[in-house]
């Protein structure tokens, strides 16, 4: 597995940075059957995002501390702006 952060993974992390999103919304927006576009799979394998239950019904996806750090290292202006909104 390539541990580098591709532009699409960085876009995914930036999209998640402001707040956790429902798993169903994440899957609708980011899951693909194309074997060359493995954004969701790569981000989860690298420990950049996590699925967490809320109120026992729906999973939410959020950045892990590692994901937030990687995004901060790659795009410091975007994550600082996103977390202030």
C-alpha atoms as a PDB file:
ATOM      1  CA  UNK A   1       0.000   0.000   0.000  1.00  0.00           C
ATOM      2  CA  UNK A   2       1.261   3.456  -0.890  1.00  0.00           C
ATOM      3  CA  UNK A   3       1.133   5.607   2.246  1.00  0.00           C
ATOM      4  CA  UNK A   4       1.422   8.917   0.393  1.00  0.00           C
ATOM      5  CA  UNK A   5      -1.523  11.247   0.451  1.00  0.00           C
ATOM      6  CA  UNK A   6      -2.907  11.698  -3.018  1.00  0.00           C
ATOM      7  CA  UNK A   7      -4.731  14.890  -3.967  1.00  0.00           C
ATOM      8  CA  UNK A   8      -8.060  13.022  -3.793  1.00  0.00           C
ATOM      9  CA  UNK A   9      -7.363  11.776  -0.268  1.00  0.00           C
ATOM     10  CA  UNK A  10      -6.459  15.317   0.756  1.00  0.00           C
ATOM     11  CA  UNK A  11      -9.724  16.544  -0.786  1.00  0.00           C
ATOM     12  CA  UNK A  12     -11.603  13.881   1.155  1.00  0.00           C
ATOM     13  CA  UNK A  13      -9.941  14.878   4.429  1.00  0.00           C
ATOM     14  CA  UNK A  14     -10.629  18.538   3.760  1.00  0.00           C
ATOM     15  CA  UNK A  15     -14.291  17.714   3.057  1.00  0.00           C
ATOM     16  CA  UNK A  16     -14.535  15.938   6.440  1.00  0.00           C
ATOM     17  CA  UNK A  17     -12.538  18.508   8.443  1.00  0.00           C
ATOM     18  CA  UNK A  18     -15.351  20.881   9.499  1.00  0.00           C
ATOM     19  CA  UNK A  19     -17.481  18.215  11.206  1.00  0.00           C
ATOM     20  CA  UNK A  20     -18.303  14.498  11.191  1.00  0.00           C
ATOM     21  CA  UNK A  21     -20.652  13.441   8.409  1.00  0.00           C
ATOM     22  CA  UNK A  22     -23.157  10.592   8.270  1.00  0.00           C
ATOM     23  CA  UNK A  23     -21.686   7.383   6.877  1.00  0.00           C
ATOM     24  CA  UNK A  24     -24.431   7.224   4.235  1.00  0.00           C
ATOM     25  CA  UNK A  25     -23.505  10.709   2.984  1.00  0.00           C
ATOM     26  CA  UNK A  26     -19.811   9.796   2.859  1.00  0.00           C
ATOM     27  CA  UNK A  27     -20.519   6.611   0.928  1.00  0.00           C
ATOM     28  CA  UNK A  28     -22.769   8.412  -1.532  1.00  0.00           C
ATOM     29  CA  UNK A  29     -20.140  11.050  -2.191  1.00  0.00           C
ATOM     30  CA  UNK A  30     -16.882   9.090  -2.029  1.00  0.00           C
ATOM     31  CA  UNK A  31     -17.328   5.349  -2.582  1.00  0.00           C
ATOM     32  CA  UNK A  32     -16.607   4.063  -6.049  1.00  0.00           C
ATOM     33  CA  UNK A  33     -16.379   0.704  -7.741  1.00  0.00           C
ATOM     34  CA  UNK A  34     -13.414   1.866  -9.807  1.00  0.00           C
ATOM     35  CA  UNK A  35     -10.309  -0.042  -8.675  1.00  0.00           C
ATOM     36  CA  UNK A  36      -8.131   2.967  -9.475  1.00  0.00           C
ATOM     37  CA  UNK A  37     -10.046   5.378  -7.236  1.00  0.00           C
ATOM     38  CA  UNK A  38      -9.744   3.968  -3.747  1.00  0.00           C
ATOM     39  CA  UNK A  39     -10.068   7.169  -1.731  1.00  0.00           C
ATOM     40  CA  UNK A  40     -12.335   5.764   0.985  1.00  0.00           C
ATOM     41  CA  UNK A  41     -10.417   2.512   1.311  1.00  0.00           C
ATOM     42  CA  UNK A  42      -7.008   4.218   1.374  1.00  0.00           C
ATOM     43  CA  UNK A  43      -8.088   6.779   3.962  1.00  0.00           C
ATOM     44  CA  UNK A  44      -9.473   4.101   6.291  1.00  0.00           C
ATOM     45  CA  UNK A  45      -6.481   1.772   5.819  1.00  0.00           C
ATOM     46  CA  UNK A  46      -4.096   4.614   6.642  1.00  0.00           C
ATOM     47  CA  UNK A  47      -6.046   5.461   9.792  1.00  0.00           C
ATOM     48  CA  UNK A  48      -6.988   8.925   8.554  1.00  0.00           C
ATOM     49  CA  UNK A  49     -10.741   8.576   9.127  1.00  0.00           C
ATOM     50  CA  UNK A  50     -12.883   6.585  11.545  1.00  0.00           C
ATOM     51  CA  UNK A  51     -16.493   5.437  11.671  1.00  0.00           C
ATOM     52  CA  UNK A  52     -18.157   6.159  14.999  1.00  0.00           C
ATOM     53  CA  UNK A  53     -21.689   5.414  16.160  1.00  0.00           C
ATOM     54  CA  UNK A  54     -23.937   8.208  17.391  1.00  0.00           C
ATOM     55  CA  UNK A  55     -27.180   7.692  19.256  1.00  0.00           C
ATOM     56  CA  UNK A  56     -27.026   4.007  18.358  1.00  0.00           C
ATOM     57  CA  UNK A  57     -28.551   4.378  14.907  1.00  0.00           C
ATOM     58  CA  UNK A  58     -26.226   5.871  12.345  1.00  0.00           C
ATOM     59  CA  UNK A  59     -22.492   5.816  11.921  1.00  0.00           C
ATOM     60  CA  UNK A  60     -20.656   9.067  11.432  1.00  0.00           C
ATOM     61  CA  UNK A  61     -17.299   9.436   9.722  1.00  0.00           C
ATOM     62  CA  UNK A  62     -14.724  11.848  11.067  1.00  0.00           C
ATOM     63  CA  UNK A  63     -11.060  12.611  10.838  1.00  0.00           C
ATOM     64  CA  UNK A  64      -8.817  10.797  13.260  1.00  0.00           C
ATOM     65  CA  UNK A  65      -6.085  12.758  15.017  1.00  0.00           C
ATOM     66  CA  UNK A  66      -3.676  11.289  12.449  1.00  0.00           C
ATOM     67  CA  UNK A  67      -5.913  12.404   9.575  1.00  0.00           C
ATOM     68  CA  UNK A  68      -6.216  15.904  10.984  1.00  0.00           C
ATOM     69  CA  UNK A  69      -2.440  16.101  11.422  1.00  0.00           C
ATOM     70  CA  UNK A  70      -1.766  14.893   7.875  1.00  0.00           C
ATOM     71  CA  UNK A  71      -4.214  17.430   6.495  1.00  0.00           C
ATOM     72  CA  UNK A  72      -2.679  20.186   8.592  1.00  0.00           C
ATOM     73  CA  UNK A  73       0.785  19.292   7.287  1.00  0.00           C
ATOM     74  CA  UNK A  74      -0.423  19.297   3.684  1.00  0.00           C
ATOM     75  CA  UNK A  75      -2.982  22.109   3.668  1.00  0.00           C
ATOM     76  CA  UNK A  76      -2.612  24.225   6.817  1.00  0.00           C
ATOM     77  CA  UNK A  77      -4.715  27.162   5.607  1.00  0.00           C
ATOM     78  CA  UNK A  78      -7.678  25.015   4.597  1.00  0.00           C
ATOM     79  CA  UNK A  79      -7.936  23.067   7.852  1.00  0.00           C
ATOM     80  CA  UNK A  80      -7.546  26.161   9.999  1.00  0.00           C
ATOM     81  CA  UNK A  81     -10.321  27.880   8.055  1.00  0.00           C
ATOM     82  CA  UNK A  82     -12.560  24.775   8.098  1.00  0.00           C
ATOM     83  CA  UNK A  83     -12.318  24.271  11.861  1.00  0.00           C
ATOM     84  CA  UNK A  84     -13.230  27.905  12.526  1.00  0.00           C
ATOM     85  CA  UNK A  85     -16.513  27.743  10.541  1.00  0.00           C
END
